[in-house]
Each structure stands twice: as C-alpha cells, then as structure tokens.
C-alpha cells in the first residue's frame, strides 16, 4: 500500500500544511474577505443604505469569512501585524 505525502491539503475549509504555518491561510482568508466586500460594494458605498444596515452586513457576511478557523491560528509577530492592519 502506497500513501502519497503532500505538503498541504484542505480540511473543513482550512489549509493544513506540514510545517503548521498559518500565514498562507490568513492571507487566503483576507483575500476572501476582500472578495466579499467588493462583491457587496454597491451596498457599502450606497447613501441609501443606513450605517446600521452596513454594519449588520459586515458582521454577518465579511467578518465570519475572514475569521473562520481563527481559533486554531498561532500568531507570530509578523502575522499579528498583518491581521491588525485589516
């Protein structure tokens, strides 16, 4: 029986790699958050939509996309700075 050894794989929506680095996963999550923002950009830039509705949209769509799996992230100083710059 032959088992293939891989460098990384997706498990439950998160990337698992052999050196347990989460920098790529964090960058991917931020990219997905940006995509979600730009997909809903019409609502965020509209003057007809209230700030309260924009905040609800952000809290219900964009923030969960970015923070999915964050409980398992081990943050180094470089990744902390990257996350704080969001």
PDB file of N, CA and C in Angstrom:
ATOM      1  N   UNK A   1       0.841  -1.169   0.000  1.00  0.00           N
ATOM      2  CA  UNK A   1       0.000   0.000   0.000  1.00  0.00           C
ATOM      3  C   UNK A   1       0.889   1.235   0.000  1.00  0.00           C
ATOM      4  N   UNK A   2       0.564   2.183  -0.856  1.00  0.00           N
ATOM      5  CA  UNK A   2       1.357   3.394  -1.016  1.00  0.00           C
ATOM      6  C   UNK A   2       0.529   4.612  -0.611  1.00  0.00           C
ATOM      7  N   UNK A   3       1.031   5.413   0.300  1.00  0.00           N
ATOM      8  CA  UNK A   3       0.384   6.648   0.714  1.00  0.00           C
ATOM      9  C   UNK A   3       1.178   7.831   0.176  1.00  0.00           C
ATOM     10  N   UNK A   4       0.487   8.722  -0.465  1.00  0.00           N
ATOM     11  CA  UNK A   4       1.144   9.895  -1.025  1.00  0.00           C
ATOM     12  C   UNK A   4       1.365  10.932   0.071  1.00  0.00           C
ATOM     13  N   UNK A   5       2.560  11.482   0.108  1.00  0.00           N
ATOM     14  CA  UNK A   5       2.868  12.533   1.072  1.00  0.00           C
ATOM     15  C   UNK A   5       2.694  13.883   0.371  1.00  0.00           C
ATOM     16  N   UNK A   6       1.906  14.768   0.965  1.00  0.00           N
ATOM     17  CA  UNK A   6       1.638  16.076   0.379  1.00  0.00           C
ATOM     18  C   UNK A   6       2.147  17.173   1.307  1.00  0.00           C
ATOM     19  N   UNK A   7       2.351  18.359   0.742  1.00  0.00           N
ATOM     20  CA  UNK A   7       2.823  19.497   1.525  1.00  0.00           C
ATOM     21  C   UNK A   7       1.680  20.178   2.272  1.00  0.00           C
ATOM     22  N   UNK A   8       0.508  20.243   1.636  1.00  0.00           N
ATOM     23  CA  UNK A   8      -0.648  20.865   2.281  1.00  0.00           C
ATOM     24  C   UNK A   8      -1.929  20.297   1.688  1.00  0.00           C
ATOM     25  N   UNK A   9      -3.019  20.445   2.446  1.00  0.00           N
ATOM     26  CA  UNK A   9      -4.326  19.995   1.986  1.00  0.00           C
ATOM     27  C   UNK A   9      -5.406  20.800   2.699  1.00  0.00           C
ATOM     28  N   UNK A  10      -6.600  20.787   2.129  1.00  0.00           N
ATOM     29  CA  UNK A  10      -7.748  21.471   2.721  1.00  0.00           C
ATOM     30  C   UNK A  10      -8.527  20.494   3.580  1.00  0.00           C
ATOM     31  N   UNK A  11      -8.870  20.914   4.790  1.00  0.00           N
ATOM     32  CA  UNK A  11      -9.682  20.105   5.684  1.00  0.00           C
ATOM     33  C   UNK A  11     -10.699  21.020   6.340  1.00  0.00           C
ATOM     34  N   UNK A  12     -11.979  20.776   6.095  1.00  0.00           N
ATOM     35  CA  UNK A  12     -13.071  21.580   6.636  1.00  0.00           C
ATOM     36  C   UNK A  12     -12.901  23.065   6.325  1.00  0.00           C
ATOM     37  N   UNK A  13     -12.405  23.379   5.143  1.00  0.00           N
ATOM     38  CA  UNK A  13     -12.270  24.761   4.707  1.00  0.00           C
ATOM     39  C   UNK A  13     -10.988  25.440   5.128  1.00  0.00           C
ATOM     40  N   UNK A  14     -10.155  24.797   5.925  1.00  0.00           N
ATOM     41  CA  UNK A  14      -8.884  25.376   6.343  1.00  0.00           C
ATOM     42  C   UNK A  14      -7.739  24.601   5.721  1.00  0.00           C
ATOM     43  N   UNK A  15      -6.660  25.306   5.442  1.00  0.00           N
ATOM     44  CA  UNK A  15      -5.487  24.669   4.862  1.00  0.00           C
ATOM     45  C   UNK A  15      -4.586  24.147   5.976  1.00  0.00           C
ATOM     46  N   UNK A  16      -4.214  22.891   5.876  1.00  0.00           N
ATOM     47  CA  UNK A  16      -3.296  22.269   6.824  1.00  0.00           C
ATOM     48  C   UNK A  16      -2.018  21.961   6.044  1.00  0.00           C
ATOM     49  N   UNK A  17      -0.871  22.390   6.589  1.00  0.00           N
ATOM     50  CA  UNK A  17       0.390  22.092   5.902  1.00  0.00           C
ATOM     51  C   UNK A  17       1.365  21.409   6.845  1.00  0.00           C
ATOM     52  N   UNK A  18       2.466  20.949   6.269  1.00  0.00           N
ATOM     53  CA  UNK A  18       3.384  20.122   7.044  1.00  0.00           C
ATOM     54  C   UNK A  18       4.217  20.907   8.056  1.00  0.00           C
ATOM     55  N   UNK A  19       4.385  22.220   7.890  1.00  0.00           N
ATOM     56  CA  UNK A  19       5.157  22.987   8.879  1.00  0.00           C
ATOM     57  C   UNK A  19       4.263  23.784   9.832  1.00  0.00           C
ATOM     58  N   UNK A  20       2.928  23.554   9.755  1.00  0.00           N
ATOM     59  CA  UNK A  20       1.941  24.165  10.651  1.00  0.00           C
ATOM     60  C   UNK A  20       1.953  25.693  10.610  1.00  0.00           C
ATOM     61  N   UNK A  21       2.340  26.238   9.475  1.00  0.00           N
ATOM     62  CA  UNK A  21       2.344  27.681   9.290  1.00  0.00           C
ATOM     63  C   UNK A  21       0.953  28.141   8.874  1.00  0.00           C
ATOM     64  N   UNK A  22       0.467  29.195   9.476  1.00  0.00           N
ATOM     65  CA  UNK A  22      -0.869  29.707   9.174  1.00  0.00           C
ATOM     66  C   UNK A  22      -0.822  30.991   8.356  1.00  0.00           C
ATOM     67  N   UNK A  23       0.359  31.442   7.947  1.00  0.00           N
ATOM     68  CA  UNK A  23       0.477  32.696   7.205  1.00  0.00           C
ATOM     69  C   UNK A  23      -0.281  32.623   5.886  1.00  0.00           C
ATOM     70  N   UNK A  24      -0.172  31.537   5.176  1.00  0.00           N
ATOM     71  CA  UNK A  24      -0.886  31.375   3.918  1.00  0.00           C
ATOM     72  C   UNK A  24      -2.385  31.320   4.124  1.00  0.00           C
ATOM     73  N   UNK A  25      -2.818  30.653   5.178  1.00  0.00           N
ATOM     74  CA  UNK A  25      -4.255  30.565   5.500  1.00  0.00           C
ATOM     75  C   UNK A  25      -4.816  31.944   5.844  1.00  0.00           C
ATOM     76  N   UNK A  26      -4.075  32.728   6.613  1.00  0.00           N
ATOM     77  CA  UNK A  26      -4.529  34.068   6.989  1.00  0.00           C
ATOM     78  C   UNK A  26      -4.622  34.951   5.751  1.00  0.00           C
ATOM     79  N   UNK A  27      -3.624  34.884   4.884  1.00  0.00           N
ATOM     80  CA  UNK A  27      -3.652  35.667   3.648  1.00  0.00           C
ATOM     81  C   UNK A  27      -4.832  35.265   2.775  1.00  0.00           C
ATOM     82  N   UNK A  28      -5.105  33.970   2.708  1.00  0.00           N
ATOM     83  CA  UNK A  28      -6.235  33.473   1.921  1.00  0.00           C
ATOM     84  C   UNK A  28      -7.554  33.975   2.490  1.00  0.00           C
ATOM     85  N   UNK A  29      -7.694  33.979   3.808  1.00  0.00           N
ATOM     86  CA  UNK A  29      -8.912  34.458   4.454  1.00  0.00           C
ATOM     87  C   UNK A  29      -9.116  35.954   4.203  1.00  0.00           C
ATOM     88  N   UNK A  30      -8.033  36.734   4.247  1.00  0.00           N
ATOM     89  CA  UNK A  30      -8.145  38.164   3.979  1.00  0.00           C
ATOM     90  C   UNK A  30      -8.531  38.413   2.520  1.00  0.00           C
ATOM     91  N   UNK A  31      -8.013  37.597   1.615  1.00  0.00           N
ATOM     92  CA  UNK A  31      -8.388  37.708   0.208  1.00  0.00           C
ATOM     93  C   UNK A  31      -9.866  37.398   0.024  1.00  0.00           C
ATOM     94  N   UNK A  32     -10.367  36.364   0.689  1.00  0.00           N
ATOM     95  CA  UNK A  32     -11.790  36.029   0.606  1.00  0.00           C
ATOM     96  C   UNK A  32     -12.660  37.146   1.185  1.00  0.00           C
ATOM     97  N   UNK A  33     -12.189  37.775   2.265  1.00  0.00           N
ATOM     98  CA  UNK A  33     -12.919  38.904   2.846  1.00  0.00           C
ATOM     99  C   UNK A  33     -12.977  40.085   1.888  1.00  0.00           C
ATOM    100  N   UNK A  34     -11.858  40.363   1.201  1.00  0.00           N
ATOM    101  CA  UNK A  34     -11.844  41.431   0.209  1.00  0.00           C
ATOM    102  C   UNK A  34     -12.795  41.131  -0.940  1.00  0.00           C
ATOM    103  N   UNK A  35     -12.816  39.882  -1.381  1.00  0.00           N
ATOM    104  CA  UNK A  35     -13.731  39.496  -2.452  1.00  0.00           C
ATOM    105  C   UNK A  35     -15.183  39.684  -2.016  1.00  0.00           C
ATOM    106  N   UNK A  36     -15.488  39.332  -0.783  1.00  0.00           N
ATOM    107  CA  UNK A  36     -16.853  39.501  -0.281  1.00  0.00           C
ATOM    108  C   UNK A  36     -17.217  40.974  -0.182  1.00  0.00           C
ATOM    109  N   UNK A  37     -16.252  41.809   0.219  1.00  0.00           N
ATOM    110  CA  UNK A  37     -16.515  43.251   0.292  1.00  0.00           C
ATOM    111  C   UNK A  37     -16.796  43.814  -1.094  1.00  0.00           C
ATOM    112  N   UNK A  38     -15.931  43.492  -2.051  1.00  0.00           N
ATOM    113  CA  UNK A  38     -16.099  44.053  -3.384  1.00  0.00           C
ATOM    114  C   UNK A  38     -17.324  43.483  -4.099  1.00  0.00           C
ATOM    115  N   UNK A  39     -17.752  42.299  -3.732  1.00  0.00           N
ATOM    116  CA  UNK A  39     -18.982  41.756  -4.296  1.00  0.00           C
ATOM    117  C   UNK A  39     -20.204  42.513  -3.772  1.00  0.00           C
ATOM    118  N   UNK A  40     -20.101  43.076  -2.575  1.00  0.00           N
ATOM    119  CA  UNK A  40     -21.201  43.832  -1.961  1.00  0.00           C
ATOM    120  C   UNK A  40     -20.895  45.321  -1.899  1.00  0.00           C
ATOM    121  N   UNK A  41     -19.980  45.764  -2.707  1.00  0.00           N
ATOM    122  CA  UNK A  41     -19.532  47.151  -2.682  1.00  0.00           C
ATOM    123  C   UNK A  41     -20.662  48.135  -2.973  1.00  0.00           C
ATOM    124  N   UNK A  42     -21.623  47.735  -3.767  1.00  0.00           N
ATOM    125  CA  UNK A  42     -22.754  48.598  -4.098  1.00  0.00           C
ATOM    126  C   UNK A  42     -23.500  48.998  -2.818  1.00  0.00           C
ATOM    127  N   UNK A  43     -23.670  48.026  -1.913  1.00  0.00           N
ATOM    128  CA  UNK A  43     -24.376  48.309  -0.655  1.00  0.00           C
ATOM    129  C   UNK A  43     -23.538  49.164   0.289  1.00  0.00           C
ATOM    130  N   UNK A  44     -22.236  48.874   0.361  1.00  0.00           N
ATOM    131  CA  UNK A  44     -21.381  49.598   1.293  1.00  0.00           C
ATOM    132  C   UNK A  44     -21.175  51.054   0.885  1.00  0.00           C
ATOM    133  N   UNK A  45     -21.212  51.355  -0.405  1.00  0.00           N
ATOM    134  CA  UNK A  45     -20.999  52.721  -0.869  1.00  0.00           C
ATOM    135  C   UNK A  45     -22.298  53.485  -1.105  1.00  0.00           C
ATOM    136  N   UNK A  46     -23.416  52.823  -0.966  1.00  0.00           N
ATOM    137  CA  UNK A  46     -24.695  53.468  -1.217  1.00  0.00           C
ATOM    138  C   UNK A  46     -25.056  54.419  -0.078  1.00  0.00           C
ATOM    139  N   UNK A  47     -25.566  55.566  -0.440  1.00  0.00           N
ATOM    140  CA  UNK A  47     -26.025  56.527   0.566  1.00  0.00           C
ATOM    141  C   UNK A  47     -27.446  56.208   1.022  1.00  0.00           C
ATOM    142  N   UNK A  48     -28.118  55.339   0.285  1.00  0.00           N
ATOM    143  CA  UNK A  48     -29.489  54.968   0.637  1.00  0.00           C
ATOM    144  C   UNK A  48     -29.547  53.911   1.741  1.00  0.00           C
ATOM    145  N   UNK A  49     -28.432  53.210   1.958  1.00  0.00           N
ATOM    146  CA  UNK A  49     -28.367  52.163   2.979  1.00  0.00           C
ATOM    147  C   UNK A  49     -27.815  52.783   4.261  1.00  0.00           C
ATOM    148  N   UNK A  50     -28.480  52.529   5.367  1.00  0.00           N
ATOM    149  CA  UNK A  50     -28.057  53.129   6.640  1.00  0.00           C
ATOM    150  C   UNK A  50     -26.769  52.487   7.147  1.00  0.00           C
ATOM    151  N   UNK A  51     -26.092  53.207   8.030  1.00  0.00           N
ATOM    152  CA  UNK A  51     -24.859  52.688   8.627  1.00  0.00           C
ATOM    153  C   UNK A  51     -25.133  51.424   9.435  1.00  0.00           C
ATOM    154  N   UNK A  52     -26.291  51.390  10.069  1.00  0.00           N
ATOM    155  CA  UNK A  52     -26.665  50.213  10.857  1.00  0.00           C
ATOM    156  C   UNK A  52     -26.798  48.984   9.959  1.00  0.00           C
ATOM    157  N   UNK A  53     -27.401  49.151   8.794  1.00  0.00           N
ATOM    158  CA  UNK A  53     -27.544  48.032   7.853  1.00  0.00           C
ATOM    159  C   UNK A  53     -26.198  47.599   7.294  1.00  0.00           C
ATOM    160  N   UNK A  54     -25.318  48.567   7.030  1.00  0.00           N
ATOM    161  CA  UNK A  54     -23.973  48.250   6.543  1.00  0.00           C
ATOM    162  C   UNK A  54     -23.193  47.470   7.597  1.00  0.00           C
ATOM    163  N   UNK A  55     -23.344  47.873   8.850  1.00  0.00           N
ATOM    164  CA  UNK A  55     -22.660  47.177   9.933  1.00  0.00           C
ATOM    165  C   UNK A  55     -23.184  45.755  10.087  1.00  0.00           C
ATOM    166  N   UNK A  56     -24.501  45.575   9.968  1.00  0.00           N
ATOM    167  CA  UNK A  56     -25.073  44.226  10.034  1.00  0.00           C
ATOM    168  C   UNK A  56     -24.569  43.357   8.889  1.00  0.00           C
ATOM    169  N   UNK A  57     -24.467  43.946   7.704  1.00  0.00           N
ATOM    170  CA  UNK A  57     -23.950  43.223   6.549  1.00  0.00           C
ATOM    171  C   UNK A  57     -22.503  42.807   6.774  1.00  0.00           C
ATOM    172  N   UNK A  58     -21.705  43.732   7.302  1.00  0.00           N
ATOM    173  CA  UNK A  58     -20.307  43.425   7.605  1.00  0.00           C
ATOM    174  C   UNK A  58     -20.190  42.316   8.655  1.00  0.00           C
ATOM    175  N   UNK A  59     -20.967  42.442   9.732  1.00  0.00           N
ATOM    176  CA  UNK A  59     -20.886  41.470  10.832  1.00  0.00           C
ATOM    177  C   UNK A  59     -21.424  40.098  10.456  1.00  0.00           C
ATOM    178  N   UNK A  60     -22.348  40.050   9.515  1.00  0.00           N
ATOM    179  CA  UNK A  60     -22.951  38.762   9.168  1.00  0.00           C
ATOM    180  C   UNK A  60     -22.304  38.089   7.970  1.00  0.00           C
ATOM    181  N   UNK A  61     -21.599  38.822   7.129  1.00  0.00           N
ATOM    182  CA  UNK A  61     -21.020  38.214   5.930  1.00  0.00           C
ATOM    183  C   UNK A  61     -19.491  38.274   5.931  1.00  0.00           C
ATOM    184  N   UNK A  62     -18.936  39.466   6.030  1.00  0.00           N
ATOM    185  CA  UNK A  62     -17.495  39.626   5.803  1.00  0.00           C
ATOM    186  C   UNK A  62     -16.665  39.144   6.987  1.00  0.00           C
ATOM    187  N   UNK A  63     -17.012  39.563   8.198  1.00  0.00           N
ATOM    188  CA  UNK A  63     -16.211  39.172   9.364  1.00  0.00           C
ATOM    189  C   UNK A  63     -16.157  37.663   9.564  1.00  0.00           C
ATOM    190  N   UNK A  64     -17.274  36.918   9.420  1.00  0.00           N
ATOM    191  CA  UNK A  64     -17.168  35.461   9.562  1.00  0.00           C
ATOM    192  C   UNK A  64     -16.286  34.793   8.499  1.00  0.00           C
ATOM    193  N   UNK A  65     -16.283  35.356   7.299  1.00  0.00           N
ATOM    194  CA  UNK A  65     -15.414  34.799   6.254  1.00  0.00           C
ATOM    195  C   UNK A  65     -13.956  34.954   6.643  1.00  0.00           C
ATOM    196  N   UNK A  66     -13.591  36.127   7.138  1.00  0.00           N
ATOM    197  CA  UNK A  66     -12.191  36.390   7.490  1.00  0.00           C
ATOM    198  C   UNK A  66     -11.762  35.621   8.727  1.00  0.00           C
ATOM    199  N   UNK A  67     -12.640  35.478   9.695  1.00  0.00           N
ATOM    200  CA  UNK A  67     -12.237  34.881  10.967  1.00  0.00           C
ATOM    201  C   UNK A  67     -12.529  33.381  11.087  1.00  0.00           C
ATOM    202  N   UNK A  68     -12.998  32.743   9.994  1.00  0.00           N
ATOM    203  CA  UNK A  68     -13.295  31.315  10.056  1.00  0.00           C
ATOM    204  C   UNK A  68     -12.030  30.540  10.409  1.00  0.00           C
ATOM    205  N   UNK A  69     -12.073  29.764  11.446  1.00  0.00           N
ATOM    206  CA  UNK A  69     -10.941  28.940  11.859  1.00  0.00           C
ATOM    207  C   UNK A  69      -9.877  29.684  12.644  1.00  0.00           C
ATOM    208  N   UNK A  70     -10.152  30.930  13.048  1.00  0.00           N
ATOM    209  CA  UNK A  70      -9.124  31.722  13.729  1.00  0.00           C
ATOM    210  C   UNK A  70      -8.778  31.178  15.114  1.00  0.00           C
ATOM    211  N   UNK A  71      -9.626  30.314  15.649  1.00  0.00           N
ATOM    212  CA  UNK A  71      -9.329  29.733  16.963  1.00  0.00           C
ATOM    213  C   UNK A  71      -8.092  28.845  16.915  1.00  0.00           C
ATOM    214  N   UNK A  72      -7.761  28.357  15.743  1.00  0.00           N
ATOM    215  CA  UNK A  72      -6.618  27.450  15.615  1.00  0.00           C
ATOM    216  C   UNK A  72      -5.357  28.157  15.139  1.00  0.00           C
ATOM    217  N   UNK A  73      -5.434  29.456  14.861  1.00  0.00           N
ATOM    218  CA  UNK A  73      -4.266  30.176  14.371  1.00  0.00           C
ATOM    219  C   UNK A  73      -3.293  30.437  15.507  1.00  0.00           C
ATOM    220  N   UNK A  74      -2.026  30.138  15.267  1.00  0.00           N
ATOM    221  CA  UNK A  74      -0.957  30.512  16.182  1.00  0.00           C
ATOM    222  C   UNK A  74      -0.271  31.701  15.529  1.00  0.00           C
ATOM    223  N   UNK A  75      -0.413  32.869  16.144  1.00  0.00           N
ATOM    224  CA  UNK A  75       0.067  34.089  15.516  1.00  0.00           C
ATOM    225  C   UNK A  75       1.481  34.431  15.965  1.00  0.00           C
ATOM    226  N   UNK A  76       2.339  34.679  14.991  1.00  0.00           N
ATOM    227  CA  UNK A  76       3.679  35.198  15.245  1.00  0.00           C
ATOM    228  C   UNK A  76       3.592  36.712  15.119  1.00  0.00           C
ATOM    229  N   UNK A  77       4.673  37.407  15.405  1.00  0.00           N
ATOM    230  CA  UNK A  77       4.662  38.870  15.352  1.00  0.00           C
ATOM    231  C   UNK A  77       4.333  39.382  13.956  1.00  0.00           C
ATOM    232  N   UNK A  78       4.846  38.737  12.925  1.00  0.00           N
ATOM    233  CA  UNK A  78       4.577  39.198  11.558  1.00  0.00           C
ATOM    234  C   UNK A  78       3.113  38.997  11.190  1.00  0.00           C
ATOM    235  N   UNK A  79       2.531  37.876  11.602  1.00  0.00           N
ATOM    236  CA  UNK A  79       1.126  37.644  11.275  1.00  0.00           C
ATOM    237  C   UNK A  79       0.214  38.503  12.143  1.00  0.00           C
ATOM    238  N   UNK A  80       0.609  38.821  13.369  1.00  0.00           N
ATOM    239  CA  UNK A  80      -0.173  39.729  14.209  1.00  0.00           C
ATOM    240  C   UNK A  80      -0.266  41.102  13.551  1.00  0.00           C
ATOM    241  N   UNK A  81       0.853  41.580  13.033  1.00  0.00           N
ATOM    242  CA  UNK A  81       0.863  42.873  12.357  1.00  0.00           C
ATOM    243  C   UNK A  81      -0.014  42.826  11.111  1.00  0.00           C
ATOM    244  N   UNK A  82       0.063  41.732  10.396  1.00  0.00           N
ATOM    245  CA  UNK A  82      -0.744  41.557   9.179  1.00  0.00           C
ATOM    246  C   UNK A  82      -2.227  41.569   9.513  1.00  0.00           C
ATOM    247  N   UNK A  83      -2.628  40.893  10.561  1.00  0.00           N
ATOM    248  CA  UNK A  83      -4.038  40.834  10.965  1.00  0.00           C
ATOM    249  C   UNK A  83      -4.498  42.187  11.500  1.00  0.00           C
ATOM    250  N   UNK A  84      -3.672  42.881  12.248  1.00  0.00           N
ATOM    251  CA  UNK A  84      -4.049  44.181  12.807  1.00  0.00           C
ATOM    252  C   UNK A  84      -4.189  45.257  11.739  1.00  0.00           C
ATOM    253  N   UNK A  85      -3.555  45.073  10.592  1.00  0.00           N
ATOM    254  CA  UNK A  85      -3.627  46.058   9.517  1.00  0.00           C
ATOM    255  C   UNK A  85      -4.895  45.940   8.693  1.00  0.00           C
ATOM    256  N   UNK A  86      -5.773  45.008   9.039  1.00  0.00           N
ATOM    257  CA  UNK A  86      -7.015  44.798   8.264  1.00  0.00           C
ATOM    258  C   UNK A  86      -7.908  46.000   8.355  1.00  0.00           C
TER     259      UNK A  86
END
